[in-house]
């Protein structure tokens, strides 16, 4: 089997199953008729830039960098949801009050959302200022943020 076809199957397998080890991956490939060596698996993992990510079960599994970033974003949103005290606006600035010490991680959560109408954010200890690109976008951004905490 050609390398690209094998690597495509590897990506399919890690998306369908929680594959924890190279041995698990070799067995899954063997089950679909692809016989590979551990060295080949190792090279494929490196070339595909696979990393260990947390699975829904709490165990580690092979995943893509994109999966890892999504997992981080999900965790940041959960922290955001549990840390917000209030959300208000002053002109084109959204002011977010958090529990003490949580503003920076909440700012990071907002940044990970990549909302196009947000120019940037600045976080202190318990306050995040979010600069909106226009006055018209403030209400929509506040609505988006409230949807995360409700």
C-alpha atoms as a PDB file:
ATOM      1  CA  UNK A   1       0.000   0.000   0.000  1.00  0.00           C
ATOM      2  CA  UNK A   2       1.242   3.468  -0.864  1.00  0.00           C
ATOM      3  CA  UNK A   3       2.344   5.739   1.951  1.00  0.00           C
ATOM      4  CA  UNK A   4      -0.329   8.394   1.373  1.00  0.00           C
ATOM      5  CA  UNK A   5      -3.143   5.844   1.293  1.00  0.00           C
ATOM      6  CA  UNK A   6      -1.824   4.281   4.527  1.00  0.00           C
ATOM      7  CA  UNK A   7      -1.538   7.668   6.193  1.00  0.00           C
ATOM      8  CA  UNK A   8      -5.060   8.527   5.075  1.00  0.00           C
ATOM      9  CA  UNK A   9      -6.287   5.313   6.751  1.00  0.00           C
ATOM     10  CA  UNK A  10      -4.365   6.247   9.905  1.00  0.00           C
ATOM     11  CA  UNK A  11      -6.170   9.590  10.041  1.00  0.00           C
ATOM     12  CA  UNK A  12      -9.508   7.828   9.561  1.00  0.00           C
ATOM     13  CA  UNK A  13      -8.717   5.367  12.347  1.00  0.00           C
ATOM     14  CA  UNK A  14      -7.676   7.984  14.906  1.00  0.00           C
ATOM     15  CA  UNK A  15     -10.856   9.929  14.174  1.00  0.00           C
ATOM     16  CA  UNK A  16     -13.045   6.831  14.595  1.00  0.00           C
ATOM     17  CA  UNK A  17     -11.328   5.115  17.526  1.00  0.00           C
ATOM     18  CA  UNK A  18      -9.422   6.001  20.664  1.00  0.00           C
ATOM     19  CA  UNK A  19      -5.985   4.738  19.670  1.00  0.00           C
ATOM     20  CA  UNK A  20      -3.627   5.076  22.622  1.00  0.00           C
ATOM     21  CA  UNK A  21      -0.384   3.448  21.456  1.00  0.00           C
ATOM     22  CA  UNK A  22       1.589   2.639  18.342  1.00  0.00           C
ATOM     23  CA  UNK A  23       0.784  -1.016  18.976  1.00  0.00           C
ATOM     24  CA  UNK A  24      -2.953  -0.189  19.007  1.00  0.00           C
ATOM     25  CA  UNK A  25      -2.527   1.632  15.721  1.00  0.00           C
ATOM     26  CA  UNK A  26      -0.617  -1.280  14.162  1.00  0.00           C
ATOM     27  CA  UNK A  27      -3.373  -3.695  15.279  1.00  0.00           C
ATOM     28  CA  UNK A  28      -6.119  -1.440  13.882  1.00  0.00           C
ATOM     29  CA  UNK A  29      -4.283  -1.219  10.561  1.00  0.00           C
ATOM     30  CA  UNK A  30      -3.733  -4.983  10.515  1.00  0.00           C
ATOM     31  CA  UNK A  31      -7.476  -5.484  11.136  1.00  0.00           C
ATOM     32  CA  UNK A  32      -8.215  -3.651   7.876  1.00  0.00           C
ATOM     33  CA  UNK A  33      -5.559  -5.527   5.934  1.00  0.00           C
ATOM     34  CA  UNK A  34      -2.601  -3.168   6.213  1.00  0.00           C
ATOM     35  CA  UNK A  35       0.516  -4.852   7.605  1.00  0.00           C
ATOM     36  CA  UNK A  36       3.122  -2.346   8.885  1.00  0.00           C
ATOM     37  CA  UNK A  37       6.195  -2.328  11.071  1.00  0.00           C
ATOM     38  CA  UNK A  38       6.593  -0.292  14.244  1.00  0.00           C
ATOM     39  CA  UNK A  39       9.220   1.844  12.477  1.00  0.00           C
ATOM     40  CA  UNK A  40       6.744   2.681   9.701  1.00  0.00           C
ATOM     41  CA  UNK A  41       4.067   3.596  12.258  1.00  0.00           C
ATOM     42  CA  UNK A  42       6.565   5.812  14.065  1.00  0.00           C
ATOM     43  CA  UNK A  43       7.521   7.613  10.828  1.00  0.00           C
ATOM     44  CA  UNK A  44       3.867   8.048   9.858  1.00  0.00           C
ATOM     45  CA  UNK A  45       3.040   9.542  13.259  1.00  0.00           C
ATOM     46  CA  UNK A  46       5.920  11.991  12.888  1.00  0.00           C
ATOM     47  CA  UNK A  47       5.029  12.934   9.298  1.00  0.00           C
ATOM     48  CA  UNK A  48       1.334  13.359  10.135  1.00  0.00           C
ATOM     49  CA  UNK A  49       2.335  15.422  13.192  1.00  0.00           C
ATOM     50  CA  UNK A  50       0.090  13.370  15.433  1.00  0.00           C
ATOM     51  CA  UNK A  51       0.147  14.153  19.118  1.00  0.00           C
ATOM     52  CA  UNK A  52      -1.417  12.709  22.253  1.00  0.00           C
ATOM     53  CA  UNK A  53      -4.694  14.445  23.118  1.00  0.00           C
ATOM     54  CA  UNK A  54      -7.206  13.820  25.888  1.00  0.00           C
ATOM     55  CA  UNK A  55     -10.050  11.582  24.762  1.00  0.00           C
ATOM     56  CA  UNK A  56     -13.621  11.866  26.041  1.00  0.00           C
ATOM     57  CA  UNK A  57     -12.901   8.894  28.285  1.00  0.00           C
ATOM     58  CA  UNK A  58     -10.125  10.875  29.988  1.00  0.00           C
ATOM     59  CA  UNK A  59      -7.377   8.684  28.544  1.00  0.00           C
ATOM     60  CA  UNK A  60      -4.788   9.869  26.050  1.00  0.00           C
ATOM     61  CA  UNK A  61      -5.108   8.980  22.388  1.00  0.00           C
ATOM     62  CA  UNK A  62      -3.488   9.937  19.129  1.00  0.00           C
ATOM     63  CA  UNK A  63      -4.956  13.023  17.510  1.00  0.00           C
ATOM     64  CA  UNK A  64      -4.130  15.897  15.234  1.00  0.00           C
ATOM     65  CA  UNK A  65      -2.850  19.302  16.306  1.00  0.00           C
ATOM     66  CA  UNK A  66      -6.252  20.690  15.322  1.00  0.00           C
ATOM     67  CA  UNK A  67      -7.946  18.288  17.772  1.00  0.00           C
ATOM     68  CA  UNK A  68      -5.593  19.479  20.484  1.00  0.00           C
ATOM     69  CA  UNK A  69      -6.445  23.111  19.785  1.00  0.00           C
ATOM     70  CA  UNK A  70     -10.168  22.313  19.852  1.00  0.00           C
ATOM     71  CA  UNK A  71      -9.717  20.530  23.159  1.00  0.00           C
ATOM     72  CA  UNK A  72      -7.913  23.539  24.600  1.00  0.00           C
ATOM     73  CA  UNK A  73     -10.631  25.872  23.307  1.00  0.00           C
ATOM     74  CA  UNK A  74     -13.322  23.697  24.895  1.00  0.00           C
ATOM     75  CA  UNK A  75     -11.531  23.761  28.245  1.00  0.00           C
ATOM     76  CA  UNK A  76     -11.066  27.532  28.042  1.00  0.00           C
ATOM     77  CA  UNK A  77     -14.769  28.017  27.325  1.00  0.00           C
ATOM     78  CA  UNK A  78     -15.678  25.836  30.346  1.00  0.00           C
ATOM     79  CA  UNK A  79     -13.388  27.923  32.555  1.00  0.00           C
ATOM     80  CA  UNK A  80     -14.857  31.105  31.036  1.00  0.00           C
ATOM     81  CA  UNK A  81     -18.384  29.898  31.809  1.00  0.00           C
ATOM     82  CA  UNK A  82     -17.512  29.205  35.447  1.00  0.00           C
ATOM     83  CA  UNK A  83     -15.532  32.422  36.006  1.00  0.00           C
ATOM     84  CA  UNK A  84     -17.748  35.237  34.714  1.00  0.00           C
ATOM     85  CA  UNK A  85     -19.324  37.622  37.203  1.00  0.00           C
ATOM     86  CA  UNK A  86     -20.723  40.190  34.751  1.00  0.00           C
ATOM     87  CA  UNK A  87     -20.565  41.470  31.178  1.00  0.00           C
ATOM     88  CA  UNK A  88     -21.165  45.128  30.371  1.00  0.00           C
ATOM     89  CA  UNK A  89     -20.277  47.663  27.678  1.00  0.00           C
ATOM     90  CA  UNK A  90     -18.852  51.181  27.475  1.00  0.00           C
ATOM     91  CA  UNK A  91     -18.924  52.506  23.923  1.00  0.00           C
ATOM     92  CA  UNK A  92     -16.963  49.967  21.842  1.00  0.00           C
ATOM     93  CA  UNK A  93     -15.385  48.240  24.868  1.00  0.00           C
ATOM     94  CA  UNK A  94     -16.946  45.149  26.416  1.00  0.00           C
ATOM     95  CA  UNK A  95     -16.059  44.918  30.110  1.00  0.00           C
ATOM     96  CA  UNK A  96     -16.032  41.443  31.586  1.00  0.00           C
ATOM     97  CA  UNK A  97     -15.709  40.976  35.341  1.00  0.00           C
ATOM     98  CA  UNK A  98     -14.433  37.611  36.524  1.00  0.00           C
ATOM     99  CA  UNK A  99     -13.699  35.933  39.797  1.00  0.00           C
ATOM    100  CA  UNK A 100     -10.275  37.028  41.129  1.00  0.00           C
ATOM    101  CA  UNK A 101      -7.368  35.602  39.147  1.00  0.00           C
ATOM    102  CA  UNK A 102      -9.457  34.375  36.198  1.00  0.00           C
ATOM    103  CA  UNK A 103      -9.359  37.340  33.820  1.00  0.00           C
ATOM    104  CA  UNK A 104      -6.314  36.255  31.842  1.00  0.00           C
ATOM    105  CA  UNK A 105      -7.624  32.785  31.101  1.00  0.00           C
ATOM    106  CA  UNK A 106     -11.033  34.268  30.207  1.00  0.00           C
ATOM    107  CA  UNK A 107      -9.260  36.665  27.839  1.00  0.00           C
ATOM    108  CA  UNK A 108      -7.498  33.689  26.299  1.00  0.00           C
ATOM    109  CA  UNK A 109     -10.861  31.928  25.879  1.00  0.00           C
ATOM    110  CA  UNK A 110     -12.254  34.983  24.084  1.00  0.00           C
ATOM    111  CA  UNK A 111      -9.205  35.138  21.830  1.00  0.00           C
ATOM    112  CA  UNK A 112      -9.566  31.425  20.984  1.00  0.00           C
ATOM    113  CA  UNK A 113     -13.096  32.085  19.662  1.00  0.00           C
ATOM    114  CA  UNK A 114     -11.593  34.197  16.869  1.00  0.00           C
ATOM    115  CA  UNK A 115     -14.605  36.511  16.620  1.00  0.00           C
ATOM    116  CA  UNK A 116     -13.853  38.768  13.633  1.00  0.00           C
ATOM    117  CA  UNK A 117     -15.457  41.885  15.169  1.00  0.00           C
ATOM    118  CA  UNK A 118     -13.082  41.786  18.152  1.00  0.00           C
ATOM    119  CA  UNK A 119      -9.959  43.879  17.728  1.00  0.00           C
ATOM    120  CA  UNK A 120      -8.259  42.480  20.804  1.00  0.00           C
ATOM    121  CA  UNK A 121      -8.473  41.978  24.537  1.00  0.00           C
ATOM    122  CA  UNK A 122      -6.560  43.060  27.622  1.00  0.00           C
ATOM    123  CA  UNK A 123      -6.844  41.174  30.902  1.00  0.00           C
ATOM    124  CA  UNK A 124      -5.922  42.087  34.441  1.00  0.00           C
ATOM    125  CA  UNK A 125      -6.672  40.073  37.575  1.00  0.00           C
ATOM    126  CA  UNK A 126     -10.472  40.170  37.533  1.00  0.00           C
ATOM    127  CA  UNK A 127     -11.354  42.310  34.511  1.00  0.00           C
ATOM    128  CA  UNK A 128     -11.107  41.810  30.758  1.00  0.00           C
ATOM    129  CA  UNK A 129     -11.483  44.706  28.300  1.00  0.00           C
ATOM    130  CA  UNK A 130     -12.510  43.585  24.845  1.00  0.00           C
ATOM    131  CA  UNK A 131     -12.073  46.169  22.082  1.00  0.00           C
ATOM    132  CA  UNK A 132     -14.807  45.839  19.463  1.00  0.00           C
ATOM    133  CA  UNK A 133     -14.059  47.005  15.940  1.00  0.00           C
ATOM    134  CA  UNK A 134     -17.313  48.980  15.767  1.00  0.00           C
ATOM    135  CA  UNK A 135     -20.113  50.221  18.014  1.00  0.00           C
ATOM    136  CA  UNK A 136     -22.569  48.211  15.945  1.00  0.00           C
ATOM    137  CA  UNK A 137     -20.853  44.930  16.824  1.00  0.00           C
ATOM    138  CA  UNK A 138     -20.925  45.404  20.617  1.00  0.00           C
ATOM    139  CA  UNK A 139     -24.415  43.972  21.193  1.00  0.00           C
ATOM    140  CA  UNK A 140     -23.714  40.934  19.017  1.00  0.00           C
ATOM    141  CA  UNK A 141     -20.415  40.252  20.802  1.00  0.00           C
ATOM    142  CA  UNK A 142     -22.095  40.534  24.206  1.00  0.00           C
ATOM    143  CA  UNK A 143     -24.817  38.181  22.988  1.00  0.00           C
ATOM    144  CA  UNK A 144     -22.158  35.689  21.802  1.00  0.00           C
ATOM    145  CA  UNK A 145     -20.400  35.846  25.173  1.00  0.00           C
ATOM    146  CA  UNK A 146     -23.650  35.368  27.091  1.00  0.00           C
ATOM    147  CA  UNK A 147     -24.455  32.342  24.936  1.00  0.00           C
ATOM    148  CA  UNK A 148     -21.243  30.745  26.240  1.00  0.00           C
ATOM    149  CA  UNK A 149     -22.264  31.130  29.882  1.00  0.00           C
ATOM    150  CA  UNK A 150     -25.949  30.203  29.571  1.00  0.00           C
END
